[in-house]
C-alpha atoms as a PDB file:
ATOM      1  CA  MET A   1     -91.843 -28.434   2.345  1.00  0.00           C
ATOM      2  CA  ALA A   2     -92.749 -25.128   0.853  1.00  0.00           C
ATOM      3  CA  ALA A   3     -94.048 -22.337   3.075  1.00  0.00           C
ATOM      4  CA  ALA A   4     -95.658 -18.868   2.117  1.00  0.00           C
ATOM      5  CA  ARG A   5     -97.310 -16.147   4.009  1.00  0.00           C
ATOM      6  CA  PHE A   6     -99.841 -13.499   2.369  1.00  0.00           C
ATOM      7  CA  LEU A   7    -101.434 -11.064   3.546  1.00  0.00           C
ATOM      8  CA  VAL A   8    -105.265 -10.546   2.546  1.00  0.00           C
ATOM      9  CA  SER A   9    -107.274  -7.223   2.226  1.00  0.00           C
ATOM     10  CA  GLY A  10    -110.109  -5.986   1.718  1.00  0.00           C
ATOM     11  CA  ARG A  11    -113.469  -7.487   3.401  1.00  0.00           C
ATOM     12  CA  VAL A  12    -111.816 -10.250   4.828  1.00  0.00           C
ATOM     13  CA  GLN A  13    -113.073  -9.890   8.527  1.00  0.00           C
ATOM     14  CA  GLY A  14    -116.159 -10.932   9.966  1.00  0.00           C
ATOM     15  CA  VAL A  15    -117.155 -12.891   6.534  1.00  0.00           C
ATOM     16  CA  PHE A  16    -115.845 -17.082   7.399  1.00  0.00           C
ATOM     17  CA  PHE A  17    -112.733 -16.184   5.667  1.00  0.00           C
ATOM     18  CA  ARG A  18    -110.479 -17.462   8.599  1.00  0.00           C
ATOM     19  CA  ALA A  19    -112.673 -20.452   8.732  1.00  0.00           C
ATOM     20  CA  SER A  20    -113.082 -21.006   4.690  1.00  0.00           C
ATOM     21  CA  THR A  21    -109.439 -20.903   4.600  1.00  0.00           C
ATOM     22  CA  ARG A  22    -108.487 -23.215   7.017  1.00  0.00           C
ATOM     23  CA  GLU A  23    -110.889 -25.745   5.209  1.00  0.00           C
ATOM     24  CA  GLN A  24    -109.244 -25.078   1.674  1.00  0.00           C
ATOM     25  CA  ALA A  25    -105.845 -25.459   3.701  1.00  0.00           C
ATOM     26  CA  GLN A  26    -106.719 -29.048   4.982  1.00  0.00           C
ATOM     27  CA  ARG A  27    -108.050 -30.079   1.912  1.00  0.00           C
ATOM     28  CA  LEU A  28    -105.391 -29.700   0.633  1.00  0.00           C
ATOM     29  CA  GLY A  29    -102.877 -31.014   3.133  1.00  0.00           C
ATOM     30  CA  LEU A  30    -100.933 -27.655   4.129  1.00  0.00           C
ATOM     31  CA  CYS A  31    -100.465 -26.581   7.929  1.00  0.00           C
ATOM     32  CA  GLY A  32    -100.041 -23.143   9.232  1.00  0.00           C
ATOM     33  CA  HIS A  33    -102.819 -20.756  10.267  1.00  0.00           C
ATOM     34  CA  ALA A  34    -104.858 -18.065   9.400  1.00  0.00           C
ATOM     35  CA  ARG A  35    -105.114 -14.866  11.646  1.00  0.00           C
ATOM     36  CA  ASN A  36    -107.080 -11.062  11.815  1.00  0.00           C
ATOM     37  CA  LEU A  37    -104.772  -8.461  11.795  1.00  0.00           C
ATOM     38  CA  PRO A  38    -105.212  -5.040  13.574  1.00  0.00           C
ATOM     39  CA  ASP A  39    -105.266  -3.570  10.156  1.00  0.00           C
ATOM     40  CA  GLY A  40    -108.809  -5.485   9.181  1.00  0.00           C
ATOM     41  CA  ARG A  41    -105.890  -8.038   7.060  1.00  0.00           C
ATOM     42  CA  VAL A  42    -105.490 -11.123   7.261  1.00  0.00           C
ATOM     43  CA  GLU A  43    -102.518 -13.027   7.718  1.00  0.00           C
ATOM     44  CA  VAL A  44    -102.066 -16.838   5.795  1.00  0.00           C
ATOM     45  CA  LEU A  45     -99.373 -19.013   6.813  1.00  0.00           C
ATOM     46  CA  ALA A  46     -99.101 -21.883   4.452  1.00  0.00           C
ATOM     47  CA  ALA A  47     -96.690 -24.877   4.457  1.00  0.00           C
ATOM     48  CA  GLY A  48     -96.882 -27.983   2.878  1.00  0.00           C
ATOM     49  CA  GLU A  49     -96.144 -28.857  -0.652  1.00  0.00           C
ATOM     50  CA  ALA A  50     -95.783 -26.499  -3.663  1.00  0.00           C
ATOM     51  CA  ASP A  51     -98.555 -27.705  -5.376  1.00  0.00           C
ATOM     52  CA  ALA A  52    -100.829 -27.166  -2.709  1.00  0.00           C
ATOM     53  CA  ILE A  53     -99.382 -23.505  -1.589  1.00  0.00           C
ATOM     54  CA  GLU A  54    -100.002 -22.554  -5.201  1.00  0.00           C
ATOM     55  CA  THR A  55    -103.755 -23.845  -5.470  1.00  0.00           C
ATOM     56  CA  LEU A  56    -104.205 -21.825  -2.041  1.00  0.00           C
ATOM     57  CA  ALA A  57    -102.610 -19.045  -3.074  1.00  0.00           C
ATOM     58  CA  ARG A  58    -105.621 -19.142  -6.219  1.00  0.00           C
ATOM     59  CA  TRP A  59    -108.125 -19.427  -3.989  1.00  0.00           C
ATOM     60  CA  LEU A  60    -107.361 -16.646  -1.704  1.00  0.00           C
ATOM     61  CA  GLN A  61    -107.597 -14.261  -4.794  1.00  0.00           C
ATOM     62  CA  HIS A  62    -111.460 -14.520  -4.317  1.00  0.00           C
ATOM     63  CA  GLY A  63    -111.898 -16.460  -1.030  1.00  0.00           C
ATOM     64  CA  PRO A  64    -115.624 -17.103   0.356  1.00  0.00           C
ATOM     65  CA  PRO A  65    -118.561 -15.608  -1.125  1.00  0.00           C
ATOM     66  CA  GLN A  66    -119.429 -12.828   1.784  1.00  0.00           C
ATOM     67  CA  ALA A  67    -115.257 -11.917   1.371  1.00  0.00           C
ATOM     68  CA  ARG A  68    -114.133  -9.199  -1.065  1.00  0.00           C
ATOM     69  CA  VAL A  69    -111.148  -9.756  -1.401  1.00  0.00           C
ATOM     70  CA  ASP A  70    -108.678  -6.446  -2.659  1.00  0.00           C
ATOM     71  CA  ALA A  71    -105.112  -7.319  -2.550  1.00  0.00           C
ATOM     72  CA  VAL A  72    -102.888 -10.334  -1.480  1.00  0.00           C
ATOM     73  CA  GLN A  73     -99.372 -10.011  -0.751  1.00  0.00           C
ATOM     74  CA  ARG A  74     -97.139 -12.953  -1.172  1.00  0.00           C
ATOM     75  CA  GLU A  75     -94.224 -13.589   1.299  1.00  0.00           C
ATOM     76  CA  ALA A  76     -91.574 -15.904   1.923  1.00  0.00           C
ATOM     77  CA  ALA A  77     -91.994 -17.861   4.668  1.00  0.00           C
ATOM     78  CA  THR A  78     -90.015 -20.680   6.752  1.00  0.00           C
ATOM     79  CA  ASP A  79     -91.924 -24.000   7.550  1.00  0.00           C
ATOM     80  CA  GLY A  80     -91.196 -23.662  11.112  1.00  0.00           C
ATOM     81  CA  ASP A  81     -93.617 -21.303  12.211  1.00  0.00           C
ATOM     82  CA  ALA A  82     -96.683 -23.613  10.756  1.00  0.00           C
ATOM     83  CA  GLY A  83     -96.546 -26.008  13.085  1.00  0.00           C
ATOM     84  CA  THR A  84     -98.163 -29.810  12.338  1.00  0.00           C
ATOM     85  CA  THR A  85    -102.086 -28.879  11.513  1.00  0.00           C
ATOM     86  CA  PHE A  86    -103.667 -25.830  10.421  1.00  0.00           C
ATOM     87  CA  GLN A  87    -105.603 -23.616  12.816  1.00  0.00           C
ATOM     88  CA  ILE A  88    -107.269 -20.521  13.356  1.00  0.00           C
ATOM     89  CA  THR A  89    -105.551 -17.766  15.927  1.00  0.00           C
END
């Protein structure tokens, strides 16, 4: 199982970014979470098949229609923090 952590910046809070990310992740069979950070970014932790993570990574570049994504930072992660479902926290 692969895992990645993404930090998404731009207009990504208050525009259904986390809920839309959860829908995408569940459709792709990924576990993990999406959560707002105090600095205005959204953190996304995704674990599952590498191809599914890559698909989510491409989607995060633009997000839902209401969002404006300025940057996506990707970091290595372990799947131990991902849990068994994809949650909004």
